[in-house]
């Protein structure tokens, strides 16, 4: 679908040239035959016979000798294969050049629209002053993830259905980087950002990128160890857990008595300001890092009750599970 810029093209030869140079004759004949027979769905599906011909349009933005101007956007829409007439999946090369956005009907929107009030979309406005910083942020996020998870650089799905959707490749990661930068500079919500990155690299890799973005906002473990009494920990549970795990990992990397004591003080602060169950795993791990000549700090007493209660709960759960198995 060629959008507004194409429709504004007043040159009378524009659309005939599109038909002549961009559309294979076999595709036109097939679509025409189905249209004349009254099969409009089949006519629309006829384009599926030659997806390779669309690659040049999508990749090079060229139709024959005509180079599309910058204002033209390339958009495609289709029903799922299961509900489409003569449905087919996109080929992997073509699918990998799109951002895939799933569309679900909102019944309230439909009802209001049929009553005469369709919603008007408000496009995000890019803040040019924030863009350089946003680009740097996006580069660090994507490159950091791919450095830690090199198998995500290129992963062609194993099934035909998934190969016709979003999947990770250097091309799709480049698109994801651009989208993260623009969404950040425009102040878009996390829901919008999630749709964009999952629609580009797929659900699994996209969620991993979102988690990486969250971790980039985590406080530096060394800063937390330097001032545990004044530390400000994330409010969200998963981020707080990640921050505490990072502190324990920092102590493991450079085990010193002062850092070990500071980590215990930080866990006590986390216990006082958040959910107690979040300190159980890091406290248990931190205890294993103790060396023989290190005295147990008094702060451990504040955590002992939580850890003991957690262990009793774990043992109770194990007994319940064992009882259930024996009763089968």
C-alpha atoms as a PDB file:
ATOM      1  CA  UNK A   1       0.000   0.000   0.000  1.00  0.00           C
ATOM      2  CA  UNK A   2       1.496   3.322  -1.010  1.00  0.00           C
ATOM      3  CA  UNK A   3       0.157   6.031   1.232  1.00  0.00           C
ATOM      4  CA  UNK A   4      -0.555   9.736   1.115  1.00  0.00           C
ATOM      5  CA  UNK A   5       2.420  10.948  -0.885  1.00  0.00           C
ATOM      6  CA  UNK A   6       1.563   8.582  -3.709  1.00  0.00           C
ATOM      7  CA  UNK A   7      -2.065   9.631  -3.613  1.00  0.00           C
ATOM      8  CA  UNK A   8      -0.995  13.260  -3.850  1.00  0.00           C
ATOM      9  CA  UNK A   9       1.092  12.582  -6.933  1.00  0.00           C
ATOM     10  CA  UNK A  10      -0.669  14.571  -9.603  1.00  0.00           C
ATOM     11  CA  UNK A  11       1.406  13.261 -12.476  1.00  0.00           C
ATOM     12  CA  UNK A  12      -1.017  11.378 -14.744  1.00  0.00           C
ATOM     13  CA  UNK A  13       1.546   8.705 -15.555  1.00  0.00           C
ATOM     14  CA  UNK A  14       2.221   7.686 -11.940  1.00  0.00           C
ATOM     15  CA  UNK A  15      -0.193   4.758 -11.487  1.00  0.00           C
ATOM     16  CA  UNK A  16       0.169   3.378 -15.016  1.00  0.00           C
ATOM     17  CA  UNK A  17       3.916   3.264 -14.410  1.00  0.00           C
ATOM     18  CA  UNK A  18       3.376   1.420 -11.120  1.00  0.00           C
ATOM     19  CA  UNK A  19       1.198  -1.121 -12.953  1.00  0.00           C
ATOM     20  CA  UNK A  20       3.627  -1.468 -15.830  1.00  0.00           C
ATOM     21  CA  UNK A  21       6.891  -1.843 -13.937  1.00  0.00           C
ATOM     22  CA  UNK A  22       6.043  -3.118 -10.423  1.00  0.00           C
ATOM     23  CA  UNK A  23       3.284  -5.669 -10.926  1.00  0.00           C
ATOM     24  CA  UNK A  24       4.020  -8.949 -12.758  1.00  0.00           C
ATOM     25  CA  UNK A  25       1.642  -9.689 -15.636  1.00  0.00           C
ATOM     26  CA  UNK A  26       0.715 -13.085 -14.187  1.00  0.00           C
ATOM     27  CA  UNK A  27      -0.362 -11.403 -10.969  1.00  0.00           C
ATOM     28  CA  UNK A  28      -2.589  -8.942 -12.865  1.00  0.00           C
ATOM     29  CA  UNK A  29      -4.164 -11.725 -14.936  1.00  0.00           C
ATOM     30  CA  UNK A  30      -4.872 -13.863 -11.863  1.00  0.00           C
ATOM     31  CA  UNK A  31      -6.310 -10.986  -9.865  1.00  0.00           C
ATOM     32  CA  UNK A  32      -8.416  -9.795 -12.822  1.00  0.00           C
ATOM     33  CA  UNK A  33      -9.867 -13.256 -13.426  1.00  0.00           C
ATOM     34  CA  UNK A  34     -10.897 -13.598  -9.796  1.00  0.00           C
ATOM     35  CA  UNK A  35     -12.314 -10.069  -9.677  1.00  0.00           C
ATOM     36  CA  UNK A  36     -14.415 -10.647 -12.816  1.00  0.00           C
ATOM     37  CA  UNK A  37     -15.735 -13.825 -11.227  1.00  0.00           C
ATOM     38  CA  UNK A  38     -16.838 -11.832  -8.192  1.00  0.00           C
ATOM     39  CA  UNK A  39     -14.135 -13.337  -5.964  1.00  0.00           C
ATOM     40  CA  UNK A  40     -12.757 -10.143  -4.419  1.00  0.00           C
ATOM     41  CA  UNK A  41     -11.005 -11.932  -1.567  1.00  0.00           C
ATOM     42  CA  UNK A  42      -9.267 -14.180  -4.067  1.00  0.00           C
ATOM     43  CA  UNK A  43      -8.285 -11.152  -6.124  1.00  0.00           C
ATOM     44  CA  UNK A  44      -6.639  -9.603  -3.084  1.00  0.00           C
ATOM     45  CA  UNK A  45      -4.857 -12.875  -2.284  1.00  0.00           C
ATOM     46  CA  UNK A  46      -3.467 -13.139  -5.816  1.00  0.00           C
ATOM     47  CA  UNK A  47      -0.507 -10.981  -4.802  1.00  0.00           C
ATOM     48  CA  UNK A  48       0.777 -13.937  -2.788  1.00  0.00           C
ATOM     49  CA  UNK A  49       2.045 -15.708  -5.887  1.00  0.00           C
ATOM     50  CA  UNK A  50       5.006 -13.381  -6.323  1.00  0.00           C
ATOM     51  CA  UNK A  51       6.250 -12.003  -3.033  1.00  0.00           C
ATOM     52  CA  UNK A  52       9.808 -11.871  -4.330  1.00  0.00           C
ATOM     53  CA  UNK A  53       8.730  -9.070  -6.673  1.00  0.00           C
ATOM     54  CA  UNK A  54       7.818  -6.979  -3.644  1.00  0.00           C
ATOM     55  CA  UNK A  55      11.283  -7.264  -2.128  1.00  0.00           C
ATOM     56  CA  UNK A  56      12.719  -4.557  -4.386  1.00  0.00           C
ATOM     57  CA  UNK A  57       9.865  -2.216  -3.550  1.00  0.00           C
ATOM     58  CA  UNK A  58      10.231  -2.799   0.194  1.00  0.00           C
ATOM     59  CA  UNK A  59      14.022  -2.944   0.301  1.00  0.00           C
ATOM     60  CA  UNK A  60      15.071  -0.412  -2.335  1.00  0.00           C
ATOM     61  CA  UNK A  61      11.895   1.693  -2.481  1.00  0.00           C
ATOM     62  CA  UNK A  62      12.078   1.467  -6.243  1.00  0.00           C
ATOM     63  CA  UNK A  63       9.357   0.686  -8.801  1.00  0.00           C
ATOM     64  CA  UNK A  64      11.012   0.000 -12.127  1.00  0.00           C
ATOM     65  CA  UNK A  65      12.985   3.168 -12.816  1.00  0.00           C
ATOM     66  CA  UNK A  66      10.942   5.206 -10.345  1.00  0.00           C
ATOM     67  CA  UNK A  67      12.575   5.917  -6.966  1.00  0.00           C
ATOM     68  CA  UNK A  68       9.902   6.531  -4.345  1.00  0.00           C
ATOM     69  CA  UNK A  69      10.213   9.932  -2.639  1.00  0.00           C
ATOM     70  CA  UNK A  70      10.954  10.113   1.136  1.00  0.00           C
ATOM     71  CA  UNK A  71       7.333  10.926   2.018  1.00  0.00           C
ATOM     72  CA  UNK A  72       6.012   7.562   0.821  1.00  0.00           C
ATOM     73  CA  UNK A  73       5.390   4.932   3.517  1.00  0.00           C
ATOM     74  CA  UNK A  74       5.043   1.232   2.713  1.00  0.00           C
ATOM     75  CA  UNK A  75       2.331  -0.507   4.720  1.00  0.00           C
ATOM     76  CA  UNK A  76       0.798  -3.972   4.352  1.00  0.00           C
ATOM     77  CA  UNK A  77      -2.270  -5.415   6.062  1.00  0.00           C
ATOM     78  CA  UNK A  78      -3.654  -8.938   6.061  1.00  0.00           C
ATOM     79  CA  UNK A  79      -5.896 -11.277   7.971  1.00  0.00           C
ATOM     80  CA  UNK A  80      -4.358 -14.256   9.765  1.00  0.00           C
ATOM     81  CA  UNK A  81      -3.860 -17.210   7.449  1.00  0.00           C
ATOM     82  CA  UNK A  82      -6.492 -19.189   9.331  1.00  0.00           C
ATOM     83  CA  UNK A  83      -9.215 -16.638   8.538  1.00  0.00           C
ATOM     84  CA  UNK A  84      -8.014 -15.316   5.173  1.00  0.00           C
ATOM     85  CA  UNK A  85      -9.411 -16.393   1.831  1.00  0.00           C
ATOM     86  CA  UNK A  86      -6.727 -18.433   0.059  1.00  0.00           C
ATOM     87  CA  UNK A  87      -4.407 -17.368   2.886  1.00  0.00           C
ATOM     88  CA  UNK A  88      -0.641 -17.575   2.790  1.00  0.00           C
ATOM     89  CA  UNK A  89       2.276 -16.616   5.019  1.00  0.00           C
ATOM     90  CA  UNK A  90       4.795 -13.940   4.140  1.00  0.00           C
ATOM     91  CA  UNK A  91       8.105 -15.326   2.931  1.00  0.00           C
ATOM     92  CA  UNK A  92      10.886 -15.032   5.559  1.00  0.00           C
ATOM     93  CA  UNK A  93      12.880 -12.338   3.642  1.00  0.00           C
ATOM     94  CA  UNK A  94       9.775 -10.202   3.172  1.00  0.00           C
ATOM     95  CA  UNK A  95       8.516 -10.743   6.723  1.00  0.00           C
ATOM     96  CA  UNK A  96      11.893  -9.709   8.100  1.00  0.00           C
ATOM     97  CA  UNK A  97      11.540  -6.286   6.461  1.00  0.00           C
ATOM     98  CA  UNK A  98       8.334  -5.327   8.299  1.00  0.00           C
ATOM     99  CA  UNK A  99       7.315  -4.345  11.805  1.00  0.00           C
ATOM    100  CA  UNK A 100       4.395  -6.676  12.623  1.00  0.00           C
ATOM    101  CA  UNK A 101       1.597  -5.148  14.680  1.00  0.00           C
ATOM    102  CA  UNK A 102      -1.284  -7.377  15.778  1.00  0.00           C
ATOM    103  CA  UNK A 103      -4.679  -5.727  15.577  1.00  0.00           C
ATOM    104  CA  UNK A 104      -7.501  -6.681  17.923  1.00  0.00           C
ATOM    105  CA  UNK A 105     -10.957  -5.142  17.792  1.00  0.00           C
ATOM    106  CA  UNK A 106     -11.902  -3.103  20.862  1.00  0.00           C
ATOM    107  CA  UNK A 107     -15.650  -3.531  21.172  1.00  0.00           C
ATOM    108  CA  UNK A 108     -16.073  -0.142  22.888  1.00  0.00           C
ATOM    109  CA  UNK A 109     -14.282   1.594  20.028  1.00  0.00           C
ATOM    110  CA  UNK A 110     -16.414  -0.263  17.483  1.00  0.00           C
ATOM    111  CA  UNK A 111     -19.643   0.589  19.280  1.00  0.00           C
ATOM    112  CA  UNK A 112     -18.704   4.254  19.630  1.00  0.00           C
ATOM    113  CA  UNK A 113     -17.554   4.383  16.045  1.00  0.00           C
ATOM    114  CA  UNK A 114     -20.747   2.892  14.678  1.00  0.00           C
ATOM    115  CA  UNK A 115     -22.598   5.454  16.774  1.00  0.00           C
ATOM    116  CA  UNK A 116     -20.725   8.156  14.892  1.00  0.00           C
ATOM    117  CA  UNK A 117     -17.599   8.837  16.962  1.00  0.00           C
ATOM    118  CA  UNK A 118     -14.541   7.079  15.686  1.00  0.00           C
ATOM    119  CA  UNK A 119     -11.375   7.890  17.677  1.00  0.00           C
ATOM    120  CA  UNK A 120      -8.764  10.172  16.177  1.00  0.00           C
ATOM    121  CA  UNK A 121      -5.164   9.019  16.487  1.00  0.00           C
ATOM    122  CA  UNK A 122      -2.659  11.455  17.945  1.00  0.00           C
ATOM    123  CA  UNK A 123       0.744  10.932  16.414  1.00  0.00           C
ATOM    124  CA  UNK A 124       3.739  11.201  18.765  1.00  0.00           C
ATOM    125  CA  UNK A 125       5.910  14.279  18.352  1.00  0.00           C
ATOM    126  CA  UNK A 126       9.645  13.780  18.236  1.00  0.00           C
ATOM    127  CA  UNK A 127      11.747  16.017  20.485  1.00  0.00           C
ATOM    128  CA  UNK A 128      14.865  16.807  18.406  1.00  0.00           C
ATOM    129  CA  UNK A 129      16.847  17.847  21.485  1.00  0.00           C
ATOM    130  CA  UNK A 130      16.323  14.419  23.072  1.00  0.00           C
ATOM    131  CA  UNK A 131      17.162  12.447  19.928  1.00  0.00           C
ATOM    132  CA  UNK A 132      21.008  12.249  20.263  1.00  0.00           C
ATOM    133  CA  UNK A 133      20.727  10.945  23.821  1.00  0.00           C
ATOM    134  CA  UNK A 134      17.935   8.564  22.796  1.00  0.00           C
ATOM    135  CA  UNK A 135      20.044   7.158  19.949  1.00  0.00           C
ATOM    136  CA  UNK A 136      22.936   6.527  22.348  1.00  0.00           C
ATOM    137  CA  UNK A 137      20.533   4.865  24.798  1.00  0.00           C
ATOM    138  CA  UNK A 138      19.127   2.597  22.080  1.00  0.00           C
ATOM    139  CA  UNK A 139      22.585   1.645  20.798  1.00  0.00           C
ATOM    140  CA  UNK A 140      23.747   0.663  24.288  1.00  0.00           C
ATOM    141  CA  UNK A 141      20.592  -1.371  24.905  1.00  0.00           C
ATOM    142  CA  UNK A 142      20.629  -3.355  21.652  1.00  0.00           C
ATOM    143  CA  UNK A 143      24.408  -3.858  21.538  1.00  0.00           C
ATOM    144  CA  UNK A 144      24.487  -4.827  25.217  1.00  0.00           C
ATOM    145  CA  UNK A 145      21.799  -7.470  24.696  1.00  0.00           C
ATOM    146  CA  UNK A 146      23.414  -8.955  21.584  1.00  0.00           C
ATOM    147  CA  UNK A 147      26.827  -9.028  23.269  1.00  0.00           C
ATOM    148  CA  UNK A 148      25.368 -11.033  26.142  1.00  0.00           C
ATOM    149  CA  UNK A 149      23.079 -13.168  23.925  1.00  0.00           C
ATOM    150  CA  UNK A 150      24.950 -13.682  20.628  1.00  0.00           C
ATOM    151  CA  UNK A 151      22.526 -16.389  19.450  1.00  0.00           C
ATOM    152  CA  UNK A 152      19.835 -13.715  19.163  1.00  0.00           C
ATOM    153  CA  UNK A 153      21.690 -11.890  16.394  1.00  0.00           C
ATOM    154  CA  UNK A 154      20.140 -14.162  13.766  1.00  0.00           C
ATOM    155  CA  UNK A 155      17.542 -16.804  14.588  1.00  0.00           C
ATOM    156  CA  UNK A 156      15.322 -18.022  11.744  1.00  0.00           C
ATOM    157  CA  UNK A 157      12.179 -19.658  13.220  1.00  0.00           C
ATOM    158  CA  UNK A 158      11.648 -23.339  12.546  1.00  0.00           C
ATOM    159  CA  UNK A 159       7.974 -23.201  11.557  1.00  0.00           C
ATOM    160  CA  UNK A 160       6.410 -21.633   8.482  1.00  0.00           C
ATOM    161  CA  UNK A 161       3.926 -19.619  10.520  1.00  0.00           C
ATOM    162  CA  UNK A 162       6.594 -18.036  12.707  1.00  0.00           C
ATOM    163  CA  UNK A 163       8.907 -17.408   9.744  1.00  0.00           C
ATOM    164  CA  UNK A 164       6.092 -15.280   8.291  1.00  0.00           C
ATOM    165  CA  UNK A 165       6.133 -13.036  11.369  1.00  0.00           C
ATOM    166  CA  UNK A 166       8.767 -11.028  13.224  1.00  0.00           C
ATOM    167  CA  UNK A 167      12.077 -12.755  13.891  1.00  0.00           C
ATOM    168  CA  UNK A 168      15.546 -11.550  14.941  1.00  0.00           C
ATOM    169  CA  UNK A 169      18.204 -10.732  12.361  1.00  0.00           C
ATOM    170  CA  UNK A 170      20.757  -7.923  11.950  1.00  0.00           C
ATOM    171  CA  UNK A 171      18.146  -6.133   9.781  1.00  0.00           C
ATOM    172  CA  UNK A 172      15.347  -6.378  12.348  1.00  0.00           C
ATOM    173  CA  UNK A 173      17.692  -5.376  15.205  1.00  0.00           C
ATOM    174  CA  UNK A 174      18.642  -2.280  13.216  1.00  0.00           C
ATOM    175  CA  UNK A 175      14.935  -1.451  12.897  1.00  0.00           C
ATOM    176  CA  UNK A 176      14.435  -2.117  16.619  1.00  0.00           C
ATOM    177  CA  UNK A 177      17.306   0.232  17.457  1.00  0.00           C
ATOM    178  CA  UNK A 178      15.747   3.008  15.373  1.00  0.00           C
ATOM    179  CA  UNK A 179      12.304   2.459  16.894  1.00  0.00           C
ATOM    180  CA  UNK A 180      13.642   2.453  20.480  1.00  0.00           C
ATOM    181  CA  UNK A 181      15.499   5.707  19.786  1.00  0.00           C
ATOM    182  CA  UNK A 182      12.473   7.435  18.249  1.00  0.00           C
ATOM    183  CA  UNK A 183      10.046   6.117  20.888  1.00  0.00           C
ATOM    184  CA  UNK A 184      12.377   7.304  23.642  1.00  0.00           C
ATOM    185  CA  UNK A 185      12.812  10.744  22.091  1.00  0.00           C
ATOM    186  CA  UNK A 186       9.028  11.016  21.627  1.00  0.00           C
ATOM    187  CA  UNK A 187       8.274   9.950  25.204  1.00  0.00           C
ATOM    188  CA  UNK A 188       6.144   6.991  24.084  1.00  0.00           C
ATOM    189  CA  UNK A 189       4.667   4.669  26.706  1.00  0.00           C
ATOM    190  CA  UNK A 190       6.125   1.298  27.618  1.00  0.00           C
ATOM    191  CA  UNK A 191       3.135  -0.433  25.997  1.00  0.00           C
ATOM    192  CA  UNK A 192       3.920   1.242  22.676  1.00  0.00           C
ATOM    193  CA  UNK A 193       7.601   0.395  23.005  1.00  0.00           C
ATOM    194  CA  UNK A 194       6.696  -3.228  23.738  1.00  0.00           C
ATOM    195  CA  UNK A 195       4.529  -3.458  20.608  1.00  0.00           C
ATOM    196  CA  UNK A 196       7.319  -2.040  18.475  1.00  0.00           C
ATOM    197  CA  UNK A 197      10.222  -4.210  19.645  1.00  0.00           C
ATOM    198  CA  UNK A 198       8.158  -7.424  19.786  1.00  0.00           C
ATOM    199  CA  UNK A 199       6.753  -6.636  16.365  1.00  0.00           C
ATOM    200  CA  UNK A 200      10.272  -6.280  14.996  1.00  0.00           C
ATOM    201  CA  UNK A 201      12.345  -9.044  16.611  1.00  0.00           C
ATOM    202  CA  UNK A 202       9.611 -11.376  17.889  1.00  0.00           C
ATOM    203  CA  UNK A 203       8.070 -11.864  21.339  1.00  0.00           C
ATOM    204  CA  UNK A 204      10.944 -13.641  23.082  1.00  0.00           C
ATOM    205  CA  UNK A 205      13.849 -11.478  21.854  1.00  0.00           C
ATOM    206  CA  UNK A 206      11.676  -8.374  22.178  1.00  0.00           C
ATOM    207  CA  UNK A 207      10.898  -9.102  25.816  1.00  0.00           C
ATOM    208  CA  UNK A 208      14.601  -9.683  26.467  1.00  0.00           C
ATOM    209  CA  UNK A 209      15.338  -6.262  24.976  1.00  0.00           C
ATOM    210  CA  UNK A 210      12.684  -4.674  27.195  1.00  0.00           C
ATOM    211  CA  UNK A 211      14.279  -6.327  30.228  1.00  0.00           C
ATOM    212  CA  UNK A 212      17.658  -4.953  29.120  1.00  0.00           C
ATOM    213  CA  UNK A 213      16.155  -1.475  28.889  1.00  0.00           C
ATOM    214  CA  UNK A 214      14.893  -1.842  32.454  1.00  0.00           C
ATOM    215  CA  UNK A 215      18.276  -3.002  33.702  1.00  0.00           C
ATOM    216  CA  UNK A 216      19.915   0.082  32.178  1.00  0.00           C
ATOM    217  CA  UNK A 217      17.968   2.173  34.692  1.00  0.00           C
ATOM    218  CA  UNK A 218      19.184   0.111  37.641  1.00  0.00           C
ATOM    219  CA  UNK A 219      21.476   1.815  40.145  1.00  0.00           C
ATOM    220  CA  UNK A 220      25.172   0.997  39.953  1.00  0.00           C
ATOM    221  CA  UNK A 221      25.983  -1.757  42.515  1.00  0.00           C
ATOM    222  CA  UNK A 222      29.169   0.054  43.490  1.00  0.00           C
ATOM    223  CA  UNK A 223      27.169   3.199  44.307  1.00  0.00           C
ATOM    224  CA  UNK A 224      24.827   1.141  46.473  1.00  0.00           C
ATOM    225  CA  UNK A 225      27.725  -0.487  48.308  1.00  0.00           C
ATOM    226  CA  UNK A 226      29.375   2.899  48.862  1.00  0.00           C
ATOM    227  CA  UNK A 227      26.326   4.281  50.696  1.00  0.00           C
ATOM    228  CA  UNK A 228      23.890   1.541  51.734  1.00  0.00           C
ATOM    229  CA  UNK A 229      22.123   3.778  54.268  1.00  0.00           C
ATOM    230  CA  UNK A 230      21.242   6.372  51.635  1.00  0.00           C
ATOM    231  CA  UNK A 231      20.598   3.928  48.790  1.00  0.00           C
ATOM    232  CA  UNK A 232      17.462   4.425  46.716  1.00  0.00           C
ATOM    233  CA  UNK A 233      16.224   1.058  45.447  1.00  0.00           C
ATOM    234  CA  UNK A 234      13.716   0.564  42.589  1.00  0.00           C
ATOM    235  CA  UNK A 235      10.091   0.308  43.653  1.00  0.00           C
ATOM    236  CA  UNK A 236       9.133  -2.345  41.088  1.00  0.00           C
ATOM    237  CA  UNK A 237       9.698  -5.810  42.489  1.00  0.00           C
ATOM    238  CA  UNK A 238      11.573  -7.386  39.589  1.00  0.00           C
ATOM    239  CA  UNK A 239      13.867  -4.369  39.267  1.00  0.00           C
ATOM    240  CA  UNK A 240      14.538  -4.311  43.023  1.00  0.00           C
ATOM    241  CA  UNK A 241      15.383  -8.010  42.884  1.00  0.00           C
ATOM    242  CA  UNK A 242      17.759  -7.396  39.973  1.00  0.00           C
ATOM    243  CA  UNK A 243      19.458  -4.523  41.838  1.00  0.00           C
ATOM    244  CA  UNK A 244      20.033  -6.697  44.934  1.00  0.00           C
ATOM    245  CA  UNK A 245      21.303  -9.582  42.807  1.00  0.00           C
ATOM    246  CA  UNK A 246      23.697  -7.141  41.144  1.00  0.00           C
ATOM    247  CA  UNK A 247      25.072  -6.064  44.520  1.00  0.00           C
ATOM    248  CA  UNK A 248      25.701  -9.666  45.554  1.00  0.00           C
ATOM    249  CA  UNK A 249      27.379 -10.329  42.201  1.00  0.00           C
ATOM    250  CA  UNK A 250      29.634  -7.300  42.753  1.00  0.00           C
ATOM    251  CA  UNK A 251      30.682  -8.636  46.168  1.00  0.00           C
ATOM    252  CA  UNK A 252      31.382 -12.029  44.629  1.00  0.00           C
ATOM    253  CA  UNK A 253      33.585 -10.389  41.980  1.00  0.00           C
ATOM    254  CA  UNK A 254      35.633  -8.491  44.595  1.00  0.00           C
ATOM    255  CA  UNK A 255      35.087 -10.138  47.999  1.00  0.00           C
ATOM    256  CA  UNK A 256      36.225  -7.823  50.783  1.00  0.00           C
ATOM    257  CA  UNK A 257      35.044  -7.618  54.363  1.00  0.00           C
ATOM    258  CA  UNK A 258      33.837  -4.004  54.076  1.00  0.00           C
ATOM    259  CA  UNK A 259      31.864  -4.700  50.891  1.00  0.00           C
ATOM    260  CA  UNK A 260      30.317  -7.822  52.431  1.00  0.00           C
ATOM    261  CA  UNK A 261      29.159  -5.830  55.482  1.00  0.00           C
ATOM    262  CA  UNK A 262      27.818  -3.043  53.249  1.00  0.00           C
ATOM    263  CA  UNK A 263      25.807  -5.591  51.263  1.00  0.00           C
ATOM    264  CA  UNK A 264      24.175  -6.881  54.460  1.00  0.00           C
ATOM    265  CA  UNK A 265      23.302  -3.303  55.451  1.00  0.00           C
ATOM    266  CA  UNK A 266      21.720  -2.787  52.048  1.00  0.00           C
ATOM    267  CA  UNK A 267      19.634  -5.958  52.382  1.00  0.00           C
ATOM    268  CA  UNK A 268      18.347  -4.715  55.725  1.00  0.00           C
ATOM    269  CA  UNK A 269      17.359  -1.442  54.062  1.00  0.00           C
ATOM    270  CA  UNK A 270      15.581  -3.391  51.324  1.00  0.00           C
ATOM    271  CA  UNK A 271      13.743  -5.372  53.999  1.00  0.00           C
ATOM    272  CA  UNK A 272      12.612  -2.181  55.713  1.00  0.00           C
ATOM    273  CA  UNK A 273      11.403  -0.462  52.542  1.00  0.00           C
ATOM    274  CA  UNK A 274       9.972  -3.259  50.393  1.00  0.00           C
ATOM    275  CA  UNK A 275       8.649  -6.794  50.110  1.00  0.00           C
ATOM    276  CA  UNK A 276      10.604  -9.077  52.482  1.00  0.00           C
ATOM    277  CA  UNK A 277      10.624 -12.089  50.150  1.00  0.00           C
ATOM    278  CA  UNK A 278      12.854 -10.211  47.689  1.00  0.00           C
ATOM    279  CA  UNK A 279      15.841 -10.368  50.076  1.00  0.00           C
ATOM    280  CA  UNK A 280      15.729 -14.131  50.701  1.00  0.00           C
ATOM    281  CA  UNK A 281      17.704 -15.293  47.651  1.00  0.00           C
ATOM    282  CA  UNK A 282      20.376 -12.531  47.719  1.00  0.00           C
ATOM    283  CA  UNK A 283      20.805 -12.971  51.493  1.00  0.00           C
ATOM    284  CA  UNK A 284      21.249 -16.715  51.131  1.00  0.00           C
ATOM    285  CA  UNK A 285      23.787 -16.216  48.344  1.00  0.00           C
ATOM    286  CA  UNK A 286      25.610 -13.493  50.260  1.00  0.00           C
ATOM    287  CA  UNK A 287      25.961 -15.779  53.276  1.00  0.00           C
ATOM    288  CA  UNK A 288      27.878 -18.304  51.146  1.00  0.00           C
ATOM    289  CA  UNK A 289      30.494 -15.636  50.331  1.00  0.00           C
ATOM    290  CA  UNK A 290      31.605 -15.298  53.980  1.00  0.00           C
ATOM    291  CA  UNK A 291      35.251 -16.056  54.668  1.00  0.00           C
ATOM    292  CA  UNK A 292      36.511 -17.691  57.866  1.00  0.00           C
ATOM    293  CA  UNK A 293      37.969 -14.580  59.477  1.00  0.00           C
ATOM    294  CA  UNK A 294      34.861 -12.454  58.862  1.00  0.00           C
ATOM    295  CA  UNK A 295      32.558 -11.967  61.829  1.00  0.00           C
ATOM    296  CA  UNK A 296      28.853 -12.267  61.205  1.00  0.00           C
ATOM    297  CA  UNK A 297      27.417  -8.708  61.208  1.00  0.00           C
ATOM    298  CA  UNK A 298      24.601  -7.790  63.574  1.00  0.00           C
ATOM    299  CA  UNK A 299      22.453  -6.928  60.552  1.00  0.00           C
ATOM    300  CA  UNK A 300      22.048 -10.631  59.820  1.00  0.00           C
ATOM    301  CA  UNK A 301      19.796 -10.897  62.875  1.00  0.00           C
ATOM    302  CA  UNK A 302      17.279  -8.607  61.186  1.00  0.00           C
ATOM    303  CA  UNK A 303      17.120 -10.942  58.196  1.00  0.00           C
ATOM    304  CA  UNK A 304      17.195 -14.273  60.010  1.00  0.00           C
ATOM    305  CA  UNK A 305      13.464 -14.327  60.660  1.00  0.00           C
ATOM    306  CA  UNK A 306      12.566 -13.741  57.012  1.00  0.00           C
ATOM    307  CA  UNK A 307      14.979 -16.362  55.726  1.00  0.00           C
ATOM    308  CA  UNK A 308      13.858 -18.915  58.322  1.00  0.00           C
ATOM    309  CA  UNK A 309      10.210 -18.290  57.484  1.00  0.00           C
ATOM    310  CA  UNK A 310      10.925 -18.646  53.771  1.00  0.00           C
ATOM    311  CA  UNK A 311      12.727 -21.947  54.286  1.00  0.00           C
ATOM    312  CA  UNK A 312       9.866 -23.316  56.388  1.00  0.00           C
ATOM    313  CA  UNK A 313       7.467 -22.330  53.626  1.00  0.00           C
ATOM    314  CA  UNK A 314       9.639 -24.095  51.044  1.00  0.00           C
ATOM    315  CA  UNK A 315       9.772 -27.261  53.145  1.00  0.00           C
ATOM    316  CA  UNK A 316       6.011 -27.170  53.642  1.00  0.00           C
ATOM    317  CA  UNK A 317       5.504 -26.841  49.900  1.00  0.00           C
ATOM    318  CA  UNK A 318       7.820 -29.812  49.313  1.00  0.00           C
ATOM    319  CA  UNK A 319       5.844 -31.917  51.806  1.00  0.00           C
ATOM    320  CA  UNK A 320       2.571 -31.008  50.129  1.00  0.00           C
ATOM    321  CA  UNK A 321       3.994 -31.910  46.733  1.00  0.00           C
ATOM    322  CA  UNK A 322       5.342 -35.235  48.045  1.00  0.00           C
ATOM    323  CA  UNK A 323       1.981 -36.053  49.638  1.00  0.00           C
ATOM    324  CA  UNK A 324       0.208 -35.328  46.385  1.00  0.00           C
ATOM    325  CA  UNK A 325       2.486 -37.659  44.426  1.00  0.00           C
ATOM    326  CA  UNK A 326       2.141 -40.504  46.938  1.00  0.00           C
ATOM    327  CA  UNK A 327      -1.637 -40.183  46.855  1.00  0.00           C
ATOM    328  CA  UNK A 328      -1.856 -40.691  43.092  1.00  0.00           C
END
